[in-house]
Amino acid sequence: NACFAGRRIVLFSGGEAKDEASVLAEVKEVAAGGGAGSIMGRNAFQRKYEDAISLLNKITAIYKS
């Protein structure tokens, strides 16, 4: 399910390439500020499949909390 409390998570393909810790820190800041997403798709699309799925699961968990 891609909808949380009436909001959807959308993955855009832009954003600066970063390490996982930096991506997650940015997502936490956005979520804490009331945001529902950020442009960080490059950080998923340019990783190995397994690493991308792991990262996206962590991001989803942040926005669900």
Protein backbone atom coordinates (compact mmCIF):
# COMPACT_ATOMS: atom_id res chain seq x y z
CA ASN A 1 0.00 0.00 0.00
CA ALA A 2 1.49 3.32 -1.07
CA CYS A 3 -0.91 5.59 0.82
CA PHE A 4 -0.43 6.67 4.45
CA ALA A 5 -3.12 8.76 6.15
CA GLY A 6 -4.32 9.93 2.74
CA ARG A 7 -0.83 10.83 1.49
CA ARG A 8 1.15 9.04 -1.18
CA ILE A 9 4.89 8.58 -1.41
CA VAL A 10 6.13 9.57 -4.86
CA LEU A 11 9.63 8.79 -6.05
CA PHE A 12 11.08 11.37 -8.44
CA SER A 13 14.18 10.54 -10.43
CA GLY A 14 16.26 13.60 -9.53
CA GLY A 15 18.25 14.58 -6.52
CA GLU A 16 21.91 14.58 -5.70
CA ALA A 17 23.57 11.15 -5.36
CA LYS A 18 24.39 10.52 -1.68
CA ASP A 19 25.34 7.69 0.63
CA GLU A 20 22.51 5.88 2.41
CA ALA A 21 23.04 7.61 5.76
CA SER A 22 22.77 11.03 4.12
CA VAL A 23 19.61 10.08 2.21
CA LEU A 24 17.94 8.77 5.36
CA ALA A 25 18.97 11.85 7.37
CA GLU A 26 17.43 14.11 4.71
CA VAL A 27 14.22 12.06 4.61
CA LYS A 28 13.94 12.24 8.42
CA GLU A 29 14.32 16.03 8.29
CA VAL A 30 11.68 16.37 5.58
CA ALA A 31 9.26 14.10 7.45
CA ALA A 32 9.86 15.95 10.74
CA GLY A 33 9.03 19.21 8.97
CA GLY A 34 5.69 17.81 7.78
CA GLY A 35 6.81 16.98 4.23
CA ALA A 36 5.49 13.94 2.42
CA GLY A 37 8.47 13.31 0.15
CA SER A 38 11.63 14.58 -1.40
CA ILE A 39 13.36 14.27 -4.76
CA MET A 40 15.82 11.46 -4.15
CA GLY A 41 15.04 8.84 -6.78
CA ARG A 42 18.54 8.82 -8.21
CA ASN A 43 19.63 7.40 -4.87
CA ALA A 44 17.44 4.37 -5.46
CA PHE A 45 17.70 4.03 -9.23
CA GLN A 46 21.51 4.00 -9.27
CA ARG A 47 21.93 1.31 -6.61
CA LYS A 48 21.90 -2.45 -6.98
CA TYR A 49 18.33 -3.76 -6.89
CA GLU A 50 18.63 -5.31 -3.42
CA ASP A 51 20.21 -2.15 -1.99
CA ALA A 52 17.55 0.04 -3.60
CA ILE A 53 14.71 -2.04 -2.15
CA SER A 54 16.32 -1.92 1.29
CA LEU A 55 16.70 1.86 1.09
CA LEU A 56 13.12 2.35 -0.11
CA ASN A 57 11.80 0.17 2.71
CA LYS A 58 13.68 2.32 5.23
CA ILE A 59 12.32 5.50 3.65
CA THR A 60 8.78 4.13 3.70
CA ALA A 61 9.16 3.27 7.39
CA ILE A 62 10.21 6.85 8.14
CA TYR A 63 7.18 8.35 6.39
CA LYS A 64 4.83 5.80 8.00
CA SER A 65 5.96 6.74 11.51
